[in-house]
């Protein structure tokens, strides 16, 4: 069976396949029988793997195990003259091939979407080395690559999101290496069509999370480069991804990390070769920031801040907020419609839930995906429809504040709405939450604090602080239906996940409204939060509230019409 050695060589790049300073140690470890797949512990490879192994009972580990891209340090070290590492590569690869015929593998992930594509790249990139050093094994690997190509050419095996992206990439490389122009054309056509769906005209990716926004940006750039190597050009549709870095910069907090929206971990954008990313990742020392202080993205994101840094306020000292709307069934998104996150004074004050894991059977994963894990509203005892679309009904940007109005019909028979008036310059947000229902319901409002914060109650307000900053929440009315929950396991509430499989207990405030309709007005102070804060309905109108911060500051919030926040009464 023929193959293109130049294509197998030219296509051997990308994060799992580029040389690193750990190649020698990883190759030696594998040849000695030890495998470590981050973020999991090291594991002893059996002398004769069954390919049913799952030592940590972790789907992510099994998927990585069957991708086989962890073999690539062996290839790279063998290319440097350590041919014994190629023998380890071939022993494991041929064992996998023998045990896992197409569609009849030893594990659910053997031929899972994306897994098969990553493995195909691993096999393709080793062909020149095998031809030179162990030519007797070449046909075995080539036959398996051909089987992978037939599998990926079958439309019924193609999924969605970044998994489909990896499948298109796998078929492209296989087509290039096996000199199958039909597979190349099929892969390029699929990629072009998918890109127009995956990225909108604002350059925002479909997956519902800033971290995957960056990951997809890097993967799509790699795919464009691979297409150019094969065809001599990049399709014009790929111009959409050039807008992505500015959106990623808007999603970055003043501490240089992405806000933890959706399946995002604590993660720093950097090294993307874009001036806005350079700016947010360097604390404002390099590059140039975006032009706008507030960005509204049709995909369902609002990002705002006090500024991008100035002589009076350095970028790391600025404040930042995010709000969510739009589809609630994004691939890596959460049920986070209307949710607010807040950063000020060098720390996160109101946090999103975090990723934790991808195990759908894990109750903590299920909770962190849910509406109750976000700074929003939920209806107690009613399942949320993740196919719902949270509408942004109004948005106005003024010099001193912004106003946003959301409506959510995701709970059957209940309409939720949220008006947000927020002023980063004044360090103040005023929020009016409302609901109407066709029956008596219990609606909960949730606020999740930074896990490092302590709290105390002061009348109708709750004050929370850590060593860097503080926040105060105050509610209109004299209701006492308010509780603070931390690290509760049954039912689960009061948890935050900054990294993979890490859970931190965090204080969560729950306020409850009962009835067929209701309103709850909340004032949030994130500047001078030690100062007492009150909010009360003004006698002049049902949707007018007066906020007082200490003795010297008074604000009026109007929620009728377009929304208005003014200093004074």
Foldseek 3Di string as FASTA:
>chain_A
DAWDPVLLAVLQDDDLRDDDPCLVVLLVCVLVAWDDDPPDDIDGHDPQDLLLDDPPVAPVVSLVVLLLSSLNSLLVVVVVPPVSSVVSSCVVVLSQCVQQQPPRHPDPNNLAQLSLLSNLSSLSNNLVVCCVPPVVCNVVSLVVNVSSLVQLVDPVRADADVSNLSSLLSQLSSCNTRVPVVSVVSSLVVVLVRLPVQQDQQQAGQQWFLVVLVVVLSSLVSSQVSNCVRPVHGDPSSVSNVNSVLVSLLQAALVQFGAQFFADFGDHDDDPPAQQSVCSNVQNPTGDHDDDQWDDDPSWKIKHKQDCADPVAGSSQIKIKMAGFFQLPRNRGANAHGFMWIDHQNGTFFGQAHQQGDPPVDLSNVVSRYNQRTQFKDWPPFDFANRWGKDFPAWDDDPFWIWTKIWTCRTPFKIKIKIWIDGSVQQKIKMKIKMAGPWKTKMKGKTWTDQQWDWDDDQQKIKIDHPRFIKMKGKEDRDPQKDWDWQDVVVDDQWHDNDHNDIGITIMMMHMDIDRMDMIMMMMGGPVRVFDKYKYADPVDPQKIWMDGHDPWIWIWGDPDNIDIDTDD
